[in-house]
Amino acid sequence: MNPWLLDPMHSTIQFSVRHMMVSNVRGSFREFALEVEFDPEHPELGSVQATVEAASIDTGATAARRAPLLGGLPQRGAVPKAHLPKHQR
């Protein structure tokens, strides 16, 4: 099986979160990876691994405006990676 890797230059991971039933906060993650392995003859052996770097969150808001909206999530690089590990699924 040859793995298929996501092209991060032509892909995005985006989200939208409702804030206080008044507005939506939109954002994305800048650092992520996806690997898919698939064999049409043996689909049961296929796998998908996705990794999102939580510290790479970007809402486009300034730190002061973003803190109350997203519970004080840090600007990229403001918190050691040990506090915001990669999330894999």
Protein backbone atom coordinates (compact mmCIF):
# COMPACT_ATOMS: atom_id res chain seq x y z
CA MET A 1 0.00 0.00 0.00
CA ASN A 2 1.27 3.42 -0.92
CA PRO A 3 0.15 6.16 1.48
CA TRP A 4 -1.69 9.19 0.16
CA LEU A 5 -0.61 12.41 1.90
CA LEU A 6 -2.77 15.52 2.07
CA ASP A 7 -1.35 18.55 0.27
CA PRO A 8 -1.38 21.25 3.00
CA MET A 9 -0.87 24.03 0.46
CA HIS A 10 -4.24 23.21 -1.13
CA SER A 11 -6.17 22.14 1.97
CA THR A 12 -7.66 23.75 5.07
CA ILE A 13 -9.16 22.73 8.38
CA GLN A 14 -11.77 25.32 9.32
CA PHE A 15 -14.31 25.68 12.11
CA SER A 16 -17.17 27.89 13.20
CA VAL A 17 -18.23 28.22 16.85
CA ARG A 18 -21.39 29.96 18.07
CA HIS A 19 -20.54 32.64 20.66
CA MET A 20 -23.20 33.62 23.22
CA MET A 21 -25.97 32.92 20.68
CA VAL A 22 -25.09 36.25 19.05
CA SER A 23 -22.28 35.66 16.60
CA ASN A 24 -20.06 32.99 15.10
CA VAL A 25 -16.31 32.82 15.59
CA ARG A 26 -14.60 31.34 12.55
CA GLY A 27 -11.08 30.11 12.31
CA SER A 28 -8.69 27.51 11.06
CA PHE A 29 -5.65 25.48 12.01
CA ARG A 30 -2.44 26.27 10.14
CA GLU A 31 -0.53 23.06 10.90
CA PHE A 32 -2.02 19.67 10.17
CA ALA A 33 -1.36 16.44 8.32
CA LEU A 34 -3.43 13.59 6.91
CA GLU A 35 -2.26 10.22 5.68
CA VAL A 36 -4.54 7.65 4.05
CA GLU A 37 -3.57 4.09 3.18
CA PHE A 38 -5.98 2.14 1.02
CA ASP A 39 -5.80 -1.04 -1.01
CA PRO A 40 -8.93 -1.63 -3.13
CA GLU A 41 -8.30 -5.36 -2.99
CA HIS A 42 -8.13 -5.33 0.84
CA PRO A 43 -10.13 -2.31 2.07
CA GLU A 44 -10.25 -3.76 5.61
CA LEU A 45 -6.51 -3.07 5.89
CA GLY A 46 -6.90 0.63 5.11
CA SER A 47 -6.14 3.34 7.64
CA VAL A 48 -6.42 7.10 8.13
CA GLN A 49 -4.24 9.16 10.43
CA ALA A 50 -4.99 12.86 10.97
CA THR A 51 -2.86 15.19 13.09
CA VAL A 52 -3.80 18.75 14.08
CA GLU A 53 -1.36 21.03 15.90
CA ALA A 54 -3.66 22.71 18.45
CA ALA A 55 -1.25 25.62 18.99
CA SER A 56 -1.61 26.59 15.31
CA ILE A 57 -5.19 27.86 15.80
CA ASP A 58 -5.94 31.10 13.96
CA THR A 59 -9.17 33.07 14.36
CA GLY A 60 -7.87 36.25 12.77
CA ALA A 61 -8.64 38.10 16.00
CA THR A 62 -6.18 39.98 18.17
CA ALA A 63 -5.18 38.29 21.42
CA ALA A 64 -7.28 40.71 23.48
CA ARG A 65 -10.41 40.13 21.38
CA ARG A 66 -9.88 36.38 21.04
CA ALA A 67 -9.37 35.59 24.74
CA PRO A 68 -12.99 36.03 25.86
CA LEU A 69 -14.34 34.42 22.67
CA LEU A 70 -12.30 31.24 22.79
CA GLY A 71 -11.66 30.84 26.50
CA GLY A 72 -8.21 32.37 26.45
CA LEU A 73 -6.64 30.17 23.79
CA PRO A 74 -3.12 31.45 23.14
CA GLN A 75 -1.64 33.03 20.06
CA ARG A 76 0.44 30.64 18.00
CA GLY A 77 3.69 29.87 19.81
CA ALA A 78 2.62 31.61 23.05
CA VAL A 79 2.24 28.36 25.00
CA PRO A 80 4.75 25.51 25.09
CA LYS A 81 3.67 22.59 22.92
CA ALA A 82 3.49 20.39 26.00
CA HIS A 83 0.39 22.34 27.04
CA LEU A 84 -1.27 22.06 23.62
CA PRO A 85 -0.23 18.68 22.22
CA LYS A 86 -1.00 17.36 18.78
CA HIS A 87 -4.37 15.70 18.49
CA GLN A 88 -4.39 12.53 16.46
CA ARG A 89 -7.26 10.41 15.38
